[in-house]
Amino acid sequence: MADLPITLADACAALPELWSPRVVARVNDQYVKVARVLGEFPWHAHAGEDELFLVLKGCLTIGRAEADGGPVSLLPGQVFVVRRGVRHNTSATVETWIALIETVTTKHTGEELTPMTRSIEEQLSQ
């Protein structure tokens, strides 16, 4: 994280793999992350943290149980907050670039461990 302006789209374009977020900035106790996604991400929840999704390119679907409001689809420029404790997953039928704002303690897949889980150390690597 350098003290230079960041273009979120450029940061996404530089990512080497799908579903592997990278931290591009920190604001107090929040990380700003970017990721490229395609396909489906595992269901999980974050017991103590909200999670903000911002679509930069493509279309992201956030799955939620009907009791939690059901699925929501986001287009470029749209944001959505998944509230703490809500079980959710994300999916994209075309490559989609997203930014996330999460508390620094947020685990990538909550308490679920999957082959797609990335540690915070991996997310901080450049």
Protein backbone atom coordinates (compact mmCIF):
# COMPACT_ATOMS: atom_id res chain seq x y z
CA MET A 1 0.00 0.00 0.00
CA ALA A 2 1.79 3.06 -1.27
CA ASP A 3 0.94 6.66 -0.56
CA LEU A 4 0.00 7.24 -4.19
CA PRO A 5 -3.34 7.54 -5.97
CA ILE A 6 -4.91 4.20 -6.86
CA THR A 7 -7.11 3.43 -9.83
CA LEU A 8 -9.34 0.55 -8.74
CA ALA A 9 -9.77 -0.72 -12.32
CA ASP A 10 -5.98 -0.82 -12.81
CA ALA A 11 -5.60 -2.67 -9.53
CA CYS A 12 -8.19 -5.24 -10.68
CA ALA A 13 -6.55 -5.63 -14.08
CA ALA A 14 -3.24 -6.44 -12.38
CA LEU A 15 -4.65 -9.30 -10.28
CA PRO A 16 -3.12 -12.64 -11.26
CA GLU A 17 -6.12 -14.84 -10.42
CA LEU A 18 -9.87 -14.88 -9.84
CA TRP A 19 -11.44 -14.81 -6.36
CA SER A 20 -8.19 -13.69 -4.72
CA PRO A 21 -8.76 -10.21 -3.26
CA ARG A 22 -5.90 -7.78 -2.70
CA VAL A 23 -5.79 -4.94 -0.19
CA VAL A 24 -5.16 -1.63 -1.96
CA ALA A 25 -5.75 0.78 0.93
CA ARG A 26 -6.50 1.01 4.62
CA VAL A 27 -8.76 3.63 6.21
CA ASN A 28 -8.68 3.42 10.01
CA ASP A 29 -9.86 -0.14 10.75
CA GLN A 30 -11.19 -0.83 7.24
CA TYR A 31 -9.45 -2.39 4.25
CA VAL A 32 -10.31 -1.43 0.69
CA LYS A 33 -9.84 -4.54 -1.47
CA VAL A 34 -10.26 -5.37 -5.14
CA ALA A 35 -11.01 -8.71 -6.79
CA ARG A 36 -11.79 -10.23 -10.18
CA VAL A 37 -14.58 -12.82 -9.99
CA LEU A 38 -16.23 -15.32 -12.32
CA GLY A 39 -18.36 -18.31 -11.39
CA GLU A 40 -19.59 -18.97 -7.88
CA PHE A 41 -18.03 -18.34 -4.46
CA PRO A 42 -18.87 -20.56 -1.44
CA TRP A 43 -21.64 -19.68 1.00
CA HIS A 44 -20.36 -18.14 4.23
CA ALA A 45 -21.08 -15.50 6.87
CA HIS A 46 -19.12 -12.93 8.85
CA ALA A 47 -20.43 -13.05 12.41
CA GLY A 48 -19.05 -9.69 13.55
CA GLU A 49 -18.53 -7.59 10.43
CA ASP A 50 -20.55 -5.96 7.66
CA GLU A 51 -19.15 -6.25 4.11
CA LEU A 52 -19.57 -3.61 1.37
CA PHE A 53 -19.47 -4.65 -2.31
CA LEU A 54 -18.96 -2.12 -5.13
CA VAL A 55 -19.14 -3.36 -8.73
CA LEU A 56 -16.61 -1.73 -11.03
CA LYS A 57 -17.24 -3.82 -14.16
CA GLY A 58 -19.64 -6.68 -14.99
CA CYS A 59 -22.53 -7.90 -12.85
CA LEU A 60 -22.41 -9.46 -9.38
CA THR A 61 -25.16 -11.50 -7.77
CA ILE A 62 -25.15 -11.74 -4.00
CA GLY A 63 -27.13 -14.73 -2.82
CA ARG A 64 -29.00 -14.51 0.46
CA ALA A 65 -31.79 -16.55 2.02
CA GLU A 66 -35.31 -15.28 1.31
CA ALA A 67 -35.61 -14.47 5.02
CA ASP A 68 -32.65 -12.09 4.60
CA GLY A 69 -34.15 -10.40 1.52
CA GLY A 70 -33.20 -12.91 -1.18
CA PRO A 71 -30.59 -12.45 -3.88
CA VAL A 72 -29.57 -9.05 -5.18
CA SER A 73 -27.80 -8.23 -8.46
CA LEU A 74 -25.41 -5.30 -8.79
CA LEU A 75 -24.33 -3.43 -11.92
CA PRO A 76 -21.28 -1.16 -12.32
CA GLY A 77 -21.37 1.75 -9.90
CA GLN A 78 -23.79 0.04 -7.51
CA VAL A 79 -22.95 -0.82 -3.91
CA PHE A 80 -24.55 -3.19 -1.44
CA VAL A 81 -23.82 -3.99 2.20
CA VAL A 82 -24.18 -7.55 3.49
CA ARG A 83 -24.93 -7.16 7.18
CA ARG A 84 -22.98 -9.08 9.79
CA GLY A 85 -24.23 -12.62 10.38
CA VAL A 86 -26.06 -12.91 7.04
CA ARG A 87 -25.11 -16.10 5.20
CA HIS A 88 -24.33 -15.20 1.59
CA ASN A 89 -22.41 -16.11 -1.52
CA THR A 90 -21.42 -14.24 -4.64
CA SER A 91 -21.52 -15.22 -8.29
CA ALA A 92 -20.87 -13.75 -11.71
CA THR A 93 -21.65 -15.12 -15.18
CA VAL A 94 -19.11 -12.76 -16.82
CA GLU A 95 -15.78 -11.65 -15.40
CA THR A 96 -16.66 -8.99 -12.87
CA TRP A 97 -14.40 -6.55 -11.06
CA ILE A 98 -15.35 -5.54 -7.55
CA ALA A 99 -14.11 -3.43 -4.68
CA LEU A 100 -14.82 -4.45 -1.10
CA ILE A 101 -14.68 -2.47 2.10
CA GLU A 102 -14.28 -4.66 5.14
CA THR A 103 -13.12 -4.38 8.73
CA VAL A 104 -9.49 -5.51 9.00
CA THR A 105 -10.60 -8.50 11.10
CA THR A 106 -12.91 -9.88 8.37
CA LYS A 107 -11.95 -13.41 7.34
CA HIS A 108 -12.29 -14.08 3.60
CA THR A 109 -14.79 -16.93 3.99
CA GLY A 110 -15.84 -16.36 7.58
CA GLU A 111 -15.39 -19.55 9.59
CA GLU A 112 -15.73 -21.71 6.44
CA LEU A 113 -12.44 -23.02 5.06
CA THR A 114 -12.49 -23.81 1.35
CA PRO A 115 -9.87 -24.12 -1.40
CA MET A 116 -10.84 -20.55 -2.34
CA THR A 117 -10.10 -19.11 1.13
CA ARG A 118 -7.30 -16.53 1.18
CA SER A 119 -5.59 -15.41 4.38
CA ILE A 120 -5.19 -11.74 5.17
CA GLU A 121 -1.46 -12.18 4.57
CA GLU A 122 -2.20 -13.35 1.01
CA GLN A 123 -4.58 -10.43 0.51
CA LEU A 124 -1.90 -7.98 1.66
CA SER A 125 0.76 -9.35 -0.70
CA GLN A 126 1.61 -7.24 -3.72
